Amino acid sequence: MATMKPLLRKLFWPILSHFEKGEEAPHYKASQRIILNVVGGLFLFLSLASGIASIYASQFDALIPVVVFFVVSLVLLVVGSLGTDAAVARIWGNR
């Protein structure tokens, strides 16, 4: 697992570089990373459920929300699992 993280960070550098640039964020809490991963998992579940429902109903126009939910879940899970503390705090903002 230790050798996999640098490889995944290189693979997802376009997403991570956007959130990791700039100064260190001063308001990081460990619970923020957990919540980010949980919400990312929920969006992934919502994407899969919407995709199955749209295929079952033969409504292929409904695939737009599937793509949007999947992209949001991808960003949240990548930053939550691979991002630095500053990247996680930057998603939450200055609170």
C-alpha atoms as a PDB file:
ATOM      1  CA  MET A   1       0.000   0.000   0.000  1.00  0.00           C
ATOM      2  CA  ALA A   2       2.859   2.355   0.730  1.00  0.00           C
ATOM      3  CA  THR A   3       4.143   2.046  -2.849  1.00  0.00           C
ATOM      4  CA  MET A   4       0.664   2.479  -4.322  1.00  0.00           C
ATOM      5  CA  LYS A   5      -0.046   5.924  -2.850  1.00  0.00           C
ATOM      6  CA  PRO A   6       2.695   7.794  -4.787  1.00  0.00           C
ATOM      7  CA  LEU A   7       1.546   6.125  -8.005  1.00  0.00           C
ATOM      8  CA  LEU A   8      -2.072   7.133  -7.392  1.00  0.00           C
ATOM      9  CA  ARG A   9      -0.990  10.666  -6.473  1.00  0.00           C
ATOM     10  CA  LYS A  10       0.791  10.924  -9.836  1.00  0.00           C
ATOM     11  CA  LEU A  11      -2.262   9.566 -11.630  1.00  0.00           C
ATOM     12  CA  PHE A  12      -4.627  12.062  -9.992  1.00  0.00           C
ATOM     13  CA  TRP A  13      -2.257  15.045  -9.916  1.00  0.00           C
ATOM     14  CA  PRO A  14      -4.620  17.311 -11.947  1.00  0.00           C
ATOM     15  CA  ILE A  15      -7.238  17.060  -9.193  1.00  0.00           C
ATOM     16  CA  LEU A  16      -4.799  17.197  -6.300  1.00  0.00           C
ATOM     17  CA  SER A  17      -2.733  20.091  -7.660  1.00  0.00           C
ATOM     18  CA  HIS A  18      -5.810  22.306  -7.771  1.00  0.00           C
ATOM     19  CA  PHE A  19      -6.508  21.833  -4.054  1.00  0.00           C
ATOM     20  CA  GLU A  20      -2.914  21.600  -2.789  1.00  0.00           C
ATOM     21  CA  LYS A  21      -1.577  24.841  -4.244  1.00  0.00           C
ATOM     22  CA  GLY A  22      -0.929  27.853  -2.057  1.00  0.00           C
ATOM     23  CA  GLU A  23      -0.396  28.137   1.676  1.00  0.00           C
ATOM     24  CA  GLU A  24      -1.080  25.601   4.378  1.00  0.00           C
ATOM     25  CA  ALA A  25      -4.666  25.753   5.557  1.00  0.00           C
ATOM     26  CA  PRO A  26      -4.754  26.449   9.305  1.00  0.00           C
ATOM     27  CA  HIS A  27      -8.158  24.959  10.098  1.00  0.00           C
ATOM     28  CA  TYR A  28      -7.707  21.230   9.435  1.00  0.00           C
ATOM     29  CA  LYS A  29      -9.451  18.637  11.601  1.00  0.00           C
ATOM     30  CA  ALA A  30      -9.123  14.877  11.196  1.00  0.00           C
ATOM     31  CA  SER A  31     -12.902  14.496  11.145  1.00  0.00           C
ATOM     32  CA  GLN A  32     -13.033  16.576   7.950  1.00  0.00           C
ATOM     33  CA  ARG A  33     -11.178  13.845   6.043  1.00  0.00           C
ATOM     34  CA  ILE A  34     -13.541  11.164   7.356  1.00  0.00           C
ATOM     35  CA  ILE A  35     -16.618  13.182   6.437  1.00  0.00           C
ATOM     36  CA  LEU A  36     -15.165  13.890   2.983  1.00  0.00           C
ATOM     37  CA  ASN A  37     -14.695  10.170   2.333  1.00  0.00           C
ATOM     38  CA  VAL A  38     -18.178   9.301   3.631  1.00  0.00           C
ATOM     39  CA  VAL A  39     -19.856  11.961   1.483  1.00  0.00           C
ATOM     40  CA  GLY A  40     -17.784  10.810  -1.509  1.00  0.00           C
ATOM     41  CA  GLY A  41     -18.993   7.256  -0.926  1.00  0.00           C
ATOM     42  CA  LEU A  42     -22.585   8.467  -0.725  1.00  0.00           C
ATOM     43  CA  PHE A  43     -22.227  10.324  -4.017  1.00  0.00           C
ATOM     44  CA  LEU A  44     -20.731   7.202  -5.589  1.00  0.00           C
ATOM     45  CA  PHE A  45     -23.694   5.146  -4.350  1.00  0.00           C
ATOM     46  CA  LEU A  46     -26.072   7.807  -5.690  1.00  0.00           C
ATOM     47  CA  SER A  47     -24.320   7.704  -9.050  1.00  0.00           C
ATOM     48  CA  LEU A  48     -24.582   3.916  -9.279  1.00  0.00           C
ATOM     49  CA  ALA A  49     -28.225   3.871  -8.155  1.00  0.00           C
ATOM     50  CA  SER A  50     -29.138   6.599 -10.653  1.00  0.00           C
ATOM     51  CA  GLY A  51     -27.345   4.744 -13.416  1.00  0.00           C
ATOM     52  CA  ILE A  52     -29.131   1.493 -12.691  1.00  0.00           C
ATOM     53  CA  ALA A  53     -32.494   3.269 -12.480  1.00  0.00           C
ATOM     54  CA  SER A  54     -31.947   5.127 -15.756  1.00  0.00           C
ATOM     55  CA  ILE A  55     -30.958   1.938 -17.580  1.00  0.00           C
ATOM     56  CA  TYR A  56     -33.887   0.031 -16.087  1.00  0.00           C
ATOM     57  CA  ALA A  57     -36.323   2.797 -17.136  1.00  0.00           C
ATOM     58  CA  SER A  58     -34.640   3.169 -20.551  1.00  0.00           C
ATOM     59  CA  GLN A  59     -34.213   6.894 -19.900  1.00  0.00           C
ATOM     60  CA  PHE A  60     -30.732   7.537 -21.193  1.00  0.00           C
ATOM     61  CA  ASP A  61     -31.161  11.296 -20.798  1.00  0.00           C
ATOM     62  CA  ALA A  62     -30.920  10.662 -17.076  1.00  0.00           C
ATOM     63  CA  LEU A  63     -27.251   9.700 -17.456  1.00  0.00           C
ATOM     64  CA  ILE A  64     -26.238  13.356 -17.052  1.00  0.00           C
ATOM     65  CA  PRO A  65     -26.829  13.265 -13.259  1.00  0.00           C
ATOM     66  CA  VAL A  66     -24.961   9.970 -13.145  1.00  0.00           C
ATOM     67  CA  VAL A  67     -21.887  11.600 -14.661  1.00  0.00           C
ATOM     68  CA  VAL A  68     -22.153  14.658 -12.393  1.00  0.00           C
ATOM     69  CA  PHE A  69     -22.551  12.548  -9.234  1.00  0.00           C
ATOM     70  CA  PHE A  70     -19.649  10.320 -10.306  1.00  0.00           C
ATOM     71  CA  VAL A  71     -17.309  13.260 -10.947  1.00  0.00           C
ATOM     72  CA  VAL A  72     -18.171  14.810  -7.574  1.00  0.00           C
ATOM     73  CA  SER A  73     -17.589  11.480  -5.830  1.00  0.00           C
ATOM     74  CA  LEU A  74     -14.281  11.010  -7.642  1.00  0.00           C
ATOM     75  CA  VAL A  75     -13.000  14.420  -6.549  1.00  0.00           C
ATOM     76  CA  LEU A  76     -14.138  13.933  -2.952  1.00  0.00           C
ATOM     77  CA  LEU A  77     -12.681  10.433  -2.653  1.00  0.00           C
ATOM     78  CA  VAL A  78      -9.374  11.372  -4.300  1.00  0.00           C
ATOM     79  CA  VAL A  79      -8.839  14.433  -2.112  1.00  0.00           C
ATOM     80  CA  GLY A  80     -10.123  12.630   0.985  1.00  0.00           C
ATOM     81  CA  SER A  81      -7.889   9.602   0.576  1.00  0.00           C
ATOM     82  CA  LEU A  82      -4.802  10.925  -1.259  1.00  0.00           C
ATOM     83  CA  GLY A  83      -4.771  14.650  -0.564  1.00  0.00           C
ATOM     84  CA  THR A  84      -2.737  16.515   2.004  1.00  0.00           C
ATOM     85  CA  ASP A  85      -4.249  18.084   5.090  1.00  0.00           C
ATOM     86  CA  ALA A  86      -4.200  21.449   3.311  1.00  0.00           C
ATOM     87  CA  ALA A  87      -6.196  20.062   0.375  1.00  0.00           C
ATOM     88  CA  VAL A  88      -8.842  18.639   2.686  1.00  0.00           C
ATOM     89  CA  ALA A  89      -9.082  21.919   4.598  1.00  0.00           C
ATOM     90  CA  ARG A  90      -9.283  23.866   1.337  1.00  0.00           C
ATOM     91  CA  ILE A  91     -12.387  21.916   0.245  1.00  0.00           C
ATOM     92  CA  TRP A  92     -14.062  22.823   3.527  1.00  0.00           C
ATOM     93  CA  GLY A  93     -13.018  26.473   3.232  1.00  0.00           C
ATOM     94  CA  ASN A  94     -12.052  28.856   6.007  1.00  0.00           C
ATOM     95  CA  ARG A  95     -14.393  27.727   8.753  1.00  0.00           C
END
